[in-house]
Amino acid sequence: MSKGAFIRNPDRRVRLLVTIQLLWVATLIVLALWWGTLLHQQSDEIASLQSSMGVPESQVHGRLERTTRMITGESGTFVVLILITNSILLFFFMRDSRRSKSLEAFFASVTHELRTPLTSIKLQAEALRDIGAQAEMNPFINRLLEDSARLEGQVEKTLELARIESGGSLHQESIAIRQFIQNKILPSYSLTERRVKFDLDLEATHILADLTALGIIFRNIIDNALKYSVSAPTEIRLQGKKNQSRYVLRITHQNSRFDGTEKELGKLFYRGKNSQGAGVGLYLIQTLMKKMGGHAKFAARDQTFTTSLEFQEDPHGA
């Protein structure tokens, strides 16, 4: 079981640990009884041999009683100490697990509450733009809209991460990938203050994916490209090809200044040397892709950051 899967469902983790503890205790008791029985039999055989060799009966019985008390006392003490140690460890684990769940619930609640004021700010900024505010205010309004969208993305990403980590499931459906990117993803970056240049080479097909998860994945990738671009406009190339029953999508960001260890990319809370995020974006992408039966790979070299996404193709897609 991977580390990510193990921390994804705290209740399952607790049940698994309790089951392991009970099995360990049962095994320990069985072994203690077996060893005790075996040593007792050996002591009886030794006492019988001593009697046959002419050792006085009282002396034989005295040694046998001392040996029995020693075996019982030492083995019993050993078993009790192990049980106490396991109980203490289980107690602290349960306490930390409850505390972790409380913190996760609090964090998710606070993040959820941020949605309302962020939506209000965004709507007011859009209203100012639509009523034709003074021309000199347009750059500030566009920047406000961009920052609001970025904050909304962070909130959405955090809520989705909390939902997935707590064992939430995805609803997969057939999605026309080229139309989704052209109609749902690209238009949201048309008003960004920093210009983005998209180069599309997408083979048309349908994939099996969760609509919300897919939007989060693409927004994370493009937002990262905007944050780490060293030139304007930000150049992003999307290449999608069918490969048997899979659909492989490569998203390449040229002129990236991301500085990090490639093999660490996708790990929870990993941040590069010049990271501007919290280290959950790539991990969330990888987690969502696995949940959808796909795979995600990341590569950062020669000022080029590449994300490879492998989806399940829908053979019955219209």
Protein backbone atom coordinates (compact mmCIF):
# COMPACT_ATOMS: atom_id res chain seq x y z
CA MET A 1 0.00 0.00 0.00
CA SER A 2 1.44 3.39 -0.98
CA LYS A 3 1.87 6.21 1.45
CA GLY A 4 -0.68 8.35 -0.39
CA ALA A 5 -3.28 5.60 -0.24
CA PHE A 6 -2.57 5.01 3.42
CA ILE A 7 -3.21 8.60 4.47
CA ARG A 8 -6.19 9.00 2.15
CA ASN A 9 -8.72 7.39 4.45
CA PRO A 10 -8.07 7.97 8.19
CA ASP A 11 -10.95 5.69 9.31
CA ARG A 12 -9.67 2.83 7.22
CA ARG A 13 -6.18 3.41 8.56
CA VAL A 14 -7.41 3.22 12.17
CA ARG A 15 -9.34 0.01 11.51
CA LEU A 16 -6.34 -1.52 9.80
CA LEU A 17 -4.02 -0.61 12.65
CA VAL A 18 -6.41 -1.95 15.31
CA THR A 19 -6.76 -5.21 13.36
CA ILE A 20 -2.98 -5.56 13.12
CA GLN A 21 -2.62 -4.86 16.84
CA LEU A 22 -5.21 -7.51 17.73
CA LEU A 23 -3.54 -10.06 15.46
CA TRP A 24 -0.17 -9.24 16.99
CA VAL A 25 -1.52 -9.64 20.54
CA ALA A 26 -3.18 -12.95 19.66
CA THR A 27 0.02 -14.22 18.04
CA LEU A 28 2.05 -13.13 21.06
CA ILE A 29 -0.25 -14.93 23.49
CA VAL A 30 -0.21 -18.12 21.41
CA LEU A 31 3.59 -18.04 21.19
CA ALA A 32 3.89 -17.40 24.94
CA LEU A 33 1.63 -20.36 25.72
CA TRP A 34 3.53 -22.57 23.29
CA TRP A 35 6.94 -21.59 24.65
CA GLY A 36 5.70 -21.99 28.23
CA THR A 37 4.32 -25.47 27.49
CA LEU A 38 7.51 -26.49 25.71
CA LEU A 39 9.78 -25.25 28.51
CA HIS A 40 7.57 -26.91 31.10
CA GLN A 41 7.88 -30.22 29.25
CA GLN A 42 11.64 -29.80 29.06
CA SER A 43 11.81 -29.09 32.79
CA ASP A 44 9.80 -32.26 33.51
CA GLU A 45 12.16 -34.31 31.36
CA ILE A 46 15.20 -32.83 33.10
CA ALA A 47 13.65 -33.57 36.50
CA SER A 48 12.94 -37.16 35.40
CA LEU A 49 16.55 -37.60 34.26
CA GLN A 50 17.86 -36.19 37.53
CA SER A 51 15.66 -38.62 39.50
CA SER A 52 16.95 -41.55 37.44
CA MET A 53 20.52 -40.45 38.16
CA GLY A 54 19.93 -40.66 41.91
CA VAL A 55 19.37 -36.99 42.75
CA PRO A 56 17.19 -36.67 45.87
CA GLU A 57 13.51 -36.21 45.12
CA SER A 58 13.19 -33.10 47.29
CA GLN A 59 16.06 -31.42 45.48
CA VAL A 60 14.58 -32.33 42.08
CA HIS A 61 11.18 -30.89 43.01
CA GLY A 62 12.79 -27.73 44.42
CA ARG A 63 14.70 -27.07 41.21
CA LEU A 64 11.61 -27.79 39.14
CA GLU A 65 9.50 -25.29 41.11
CA ARG A 66 12.18 -22.60 40.84
CA THR A 67 12.48 -23.18 37.09
CA THR A 68 8.70 -23.05 36.64
CA ARG A 69 8.43 -19.80 38.63
CA MET A 70 11.28 -18.24 36.66
CA ILE A 71 9.77 -19.19 33.28
CA THR A 72 6.29 -18.05 34.30
CA GLY A 73 7.48 -14.79 35.84
CA GLU A 74 9.88 -13.75 33.09
CA SER A 75 7.66 -14.74 30.17
CA GLY A 76 4.59 -13.19 31.80
CA THR A 77 6.45 -9.94 32.50
CA PHE A 78 7.74 -9.86 28.91
CA VAL A 79 4.27 -10.35 27.46
CA VAL A 80 2.71 -7.76 29.77
CA LEU A 81 5.39 -5.16 28.89
CA ILE A 82 4.82 -5.70 25.17
CA LEU A 83 1.04 -5.39 25.60
CA ILE A 84 1.44 -2.18 27.63
CA THR A 85 3.81 -0.72 25.03
CA ASN A 86 1.41 -1.56 22.18
CA SER A 87 -1.51 -0.08 24.10
CA ILE A 88 0.39 3.17 24.70
CA LEU A 89 1.36 3.43 21.03
CA LEU A 90 -2.21 2.71 19.94
CA PHE A 91 -3.54 5.34 22.36
CA PHE A 92 -1.24 8.06 21.00
CA PHE A 93 -2.00 7.05 17.43
CA MET A 94 -5.76 7.26 18.02
CA ARG A 95 -5.38 10.63 19.73
CA ASP A 96 -3.28 12.04 16.89
CA SER A 97 -5.71 10.61 14.34
CA ARG A 98 -8.68 12.35 16.02
CA ARG A 99 -6.71 15.59 16.23
CA SER A 100 -5.76 15.30 12.56
CA LYS A 101 -9.39 14.75 11.54
CA SER A 102 -10.47 17.76 13.60
CA LEU A 103 -7.85 19.95 11.94
CA GLU A 104 -8.85 18.71 8.49
CA ALA A 105 -12.52 19.42 9.21
CA PHE A 106 -11.68 22.91 10.50
CA PHE A 107 -9.45 23.66 7.53
CA ALA A 108 -12.07 22.43 5.05
CA SER A 109 -14.75 24.51 6.78
CA VAL A 110 -12.66 27.70 6.72
CA THR A 111 -11.71 27.13 3.09
CA HIS A 112 -15.35 26.56 2.17
CA GLU A 113 -16.35 29.81 3.88
CA LEU A 114 -13.86 31.72 1.71
CA ARG A 115 -15.83 30.87 -1.39
CA THR A 116 -18.67 33.33 -0.71
CA PRO A 117 -16.58 36.52 -0.29
CA LEU A 118 -14.34 35.56 -3.21
CA THR A 119 -17.36 35.09 -5.46
CA SER A 120 -18.74 38.43 -4.29
CA ILE A 121 -15.44 40.22 -5.07
CA LYS A 122 -15.32 38.64 -8.50
CA LEU A 123 -18.91 39.62 -9.32
CA GLN A 124 -18.34 43.22 -8.21
CA ALA A 125 -15.19 43.48 -10.33
CA GLU A 126 -17.06 42.09 -13.34
CA ALA A 127 -19.85 44.60 -12.73
CA LEU A 128 -17.33 47.48 -12.71
CA ARG A 129 -15.88 46.24 -15.98
CA ASP A 130 -19.30 45.79 -17.62
CA ILE A 131 -20.66 49.24 -16.68
CA GLY A 132 -17.66 50.83 -18.39
CA ALA A 133 -15.54 52.18 -15.58
CA GLN A 134 -12.84 54.74 -16.35
CA ALA A 135 -10.31 53.44 -18.89
CA GLU A 136 -7.38 53.94 -16.53
CA MET A 137 -9.06 51.57 -14.08
CA ASN A 138 -9.25 48.66 -16.53
CA PRO A 139 -5.78 47.23 -15.72
CA PHE A 140 -6.63 47.23 -12.01
CA ILE A 141 -10.02 45.61 -12.63
CA ASN A 142 -8.44 42.92 -14.83
CA ARG A 143 -5.79 42.31 -12.19
CA LEU A 144 -8.49 42.04 -9.52
CA LEU A 145 -10.38 39.53 -11.65
CA GLU A 146 -7.19 37.55 -12.26
CA ASP A 147 -6.30 37.47 -8.55
CA SER A 148 -9.86 36.49 -7.63
CA ALA A 149 -9.79 33.65 -10.15
CA ARG A 150 -6.44 32.49 -8.79
CA LEU A 151 -7.72 32.53 -5.21
CA GLU A 152 -10.86 30.69 -6.28
CA GLY A 153 -8.62 28.10 -7.90
CA GLN A 154 -6.61 27.70 -4.71
CA VAL A 155 -9.78 27.28 -2.64
CA GLU A 156 -11.19 24.77 -5.12
CA LYS A 157 -7.90 22.88 -5.15
CA THR A 158 -7.76 22.74 -1.36
CA LEU A 159 -11.36 21.56 -1.04
CA GLU A 160 -10.83 18.88 -3.69
CA LEU A 161 -7.65 17.70 -1.97
CA ALA A 162 -9.47 17.45 1.37
CA ARG A 163 -12.33 15.56 -0.26
CA ILE A 164 -10.05 13.09 -2.02
CA GLU A 165 -7.87 12.56 1.07
CA SER A 166 -10.96 11.73 3.12
CA GLY A 167 -11.94 8.97 0.69
CA GLY A 168 -14.17 10.88 -1.75
CA SER A 169 -14.90 9.35 -5.14
CA LEU A 170 -15.05 10.77 -8.66
CA HIS A 171 -17.87 10.55 -11.22
CA GLN A 172 -16.39 9.60 -14.58
CA GLU A 173 -18.15 10.40 -17.81
CA SER A 174 -17.37 10.57 -21.50
CA ILE A 175 -15.71 13.91 -22.37
CA ALA A 176 -14.66 15.20 -25.79
CA ILE A 177 -11.18 16.29 -24.77
CA ARG A 178 -10.41 18.70 -27.63
CA GLN A 179 -13.73 20.55 -27.28
CA PHE A 180 -13.34 20.64 -23.49
CA ILE A 181 -9.94 22.34 -23.72
CA GLN A 182 -11.02 24.78 -26.43
CA ASN A 183 -14.39 25.73 -24.89
CA LYS A 184 -13.86 25.38 -21.12
CA ILE A 185 -10.18 25.95 -20.39
CA LEU A 186 -8.70 28.38 -22.91
CA PRO A 187 -11.43 31.10 -22.69
CA SER A 188 -10.82 31.53 -18.95
CA TYR A 189 -7.29 32.80 -19.71
CA SER A 190 -8.30 35.30 -22.39
CA LEU A 191 -8.58 38.16 -19.88
CA THR A 192 -5.45 37.43 -17.88
CA GLU A 193 -3.08 40.36 -17.43
CA ARG A 194 -0.17 38.22 -18.60
CA ARG A 195 -0.55 36.98 -22.16
CA VAL A 196 -0.71 33.27 -22.85
CA LYS A 197 0.01 31.66 -26.21
CA PHE A 198 -1.46 28.20 -26.73
CA ASP A 199 -0.28 25.86 -29.47
CA LEU A 200 -2.78 23.02 -29.91
CA ASP A 201 -2.16 19.72 -31.66
CA LEU A 202 -4.98 17.59 -30.29
CA GLU A 203 -6.37 14.46 -31.86
CA ALA A 204 -10.14 14.37 -31.35
CA THR A 205 -11.47 11.62 -29.12
CA HIS A 206 -13.52 11.00 -25.98
CA ILE A 207 -11.92 10.17 -22.65
CA LEU A 208 -13.32 8.88 -19.37
CA ALA A 209 -12.83 11.52 -16.70
CA ASP A 210 -14.48 13.53 -13.94
CA LEU A 211 -15.46 16.96 -15.27
CA THR A 212 -14.53 18.89 -12.11
CA ALA A 213 -11.27 17.01 -11.63
CA LEU A 214 -10.30 17.61 -15.25
CA GLY A 215 -10.82 21.36 -14.86
CA ILE A 216 -8.69 21.42 -11.71
CA ILE A 217 -5.90 19.50 -13.45
CA PHE A 218 -5.69 21.89 -16.41
CA ARG A 219 -5.99 25.02 -14.29
CA ASN A 220 -3.17 23.81 -12.04
CA ILE A 221 -0.91 23.14 -15.01
CA ILE A 222 -1.59 26.46 -16.74
CA ASP A 223 -1.40 28.50 -13.51
CA ASN A 224 1.99 26.92 -12.77
CA ALA A 225 3.15 27.88 -16.26
CA LEU A 226 2.08 31.48 -15.64
CA LYS A 227 3.88 31.59 -12.30
CA TYR A 228 7.18 30.19 -13.56
CA SER A 229 7.38 31.72 -17.03
CA VAL A 230 10.45 33.88 -17.74
CA SER A 231 9.12 35.37 -20.95
CA ALA A 232 5.97 36.94 -22.33
CA PRO A 233 3.77 35.63 -23.66
CA THR A 234 3.74 32.36 -21.73
CA GLU A 235 4.04 29.62 -24.34
CA ILE A 236 2.16 26.39 -23.71
CA ARG A 237 1.99 23.53 -26.21
CA LEU A 238 -0.66 20.82 -25.90
CA GLN A 239 -0.18 17.62 -27.91
CA GLY A 240 -2.75 14.84 -27.64
CA LYS A 241 -2.54 11.49 -29.41
CA LYS A 242 -4.46 8.23 -29.19
CA ASN A 243 -2.39 5.22 -28.19
CA GLN A 244 -4.40 1.98 -28.35
CA SER A 245 -7.03 2.33 -25.59
CA ARG A 246 -5.30 5.32 -23.98
CA TYR A 247 -5.08 9.01 -24.77
CA VAL A 248 -1.71 10.62 -24.05
CA LEU A 249 -1.66 14.39 -23.59
CA ARG A 250 1.67 16.21 -23.31
CA ILE A 251 1.57 19.79 -22.01
CA THR A 252 4.87 21.58 -22.51
CA HIS A 253 5.76 24.96 -21.03
CA GLN A 254 8.74 26.63 -22.69
CA ASN A 255 11.03 29.10 -20.88
CA SER A 256 10.18 27.83 -17.41
CA ARG A 257 12.26 28.94 -14.45
CA PHE A 258 11.11 26.16 -12.12
CA ASP A 259 14.07 24.91 -10.11
CA GLY A 260 13.54 21.58 -8.40
CA THR A 261 14.42 17.90 -8.28
CA GLU A 262 12.58 16.05 -11.03
CA LYS A 263 12.15 12.78 -9.12
CA GLU A 264 10.46 14.65 -6.24
CA LEU A 265 7.80 16.21 -8.46
CA GLY A 266 4.31 15.07 -7.53
CA LYS A 267 5.06 14.40 -3.87
CA LEU A 268 2.81 16.06 -1.31
CA PHE A 269 4.17 19.40 -0.02
CA TYR A 270 7.28 19.19 -2.21
CA ARG A 271 8.35 22.67 -3.22
CA GLY A 272 11.17 23.55 -5.58
CA LYS A 273 13.92 25.97 -4.67
CA ASN A 274 11.99 28.85 -6.21
CA SER A 275 8.49 27.53 -5.54
CA GLN A 276 5.64 30.01 -5.15
CA GLY A 277 3.01 27.50 -4.03
CA ALA A 278 2.21 25.19 -1.14
CA GLY A 279 3.38 22.02 -2.86
CA VAL A 280 -0.02 20.39 -3.38
CA GLY A 281 -0.81 21.18 -7.04
CA LEU A 282 1.24 18.46 -8.74
CA TYR A 283 0.32 15.96 -6.01
CA LEU A 284 -3.36 16.70 -6.58
CA ILE A 285 -2.92 16.24 -10.35
CA GLN A 286 -1.26 12.87 -9.81
CA THR A 287 -3.88 11.77 -7.28
CA LEU A 288 -6.83 12.76 -9.49
CA MET A 289 -5.31 11.03 -12.50
CA LYS A 290 -4.89 7.80 -10.53
CA LYS A 291 -8.48 8.07 -9.30
CA MET A 292 -9.61 8.28 -12.94
CA GLY A 293 -7.56 5.23 -13.93
CA GLY A 294 -4.86 7.30 -15.61
CA HIS A 295 -1.35 8.41 -14.89
CA ALA A 296 0.62 11.66 -14.64
CA LYS A 297 4.35 12.28 -15.12
CA PHE A 298 6.34 15.48 -14.70
CA ALA A 299 9.69 16.51 -16.17
CA ALA A 300 11.67 19.71 -15.60
CA ARG A 301 14.83 20.17 -17.65
CA ASP A 302 16.50 22.76 -19.89
CA GLN A 303 13.98 25.47 -18.95
CA THR A 304 11.13 23.26 -20.15
CA PHE A 305 8.45 21.84 -17.87
CA THR A 306 6.46 18.95 -19.30
CA THR A 307 3.37 17.29 -17.89
CA SER A 308 2.31 13.99 -19.45
CA LEU A 309 -1.26 12.87 -18.79
CA GLU A 310 -2.49 9.43 -19.77
CA PHE A 311 -6.28 9.01 -19.83
CA GLN A 312 -8.57 6.09 -20.48
CA GLU A 313 -10.18 6.46 -23.89
CA ASP A 314 -13.92 5.97 -24.13
CA PRO A 315 -14.45 3.42 -26.93
CA HIS A 316 -18.15 4.32 -27.12
CA GLY A 317 -17.65 8.09 -27.32
CA ALA A 318 -19.76 9.85 -29.91
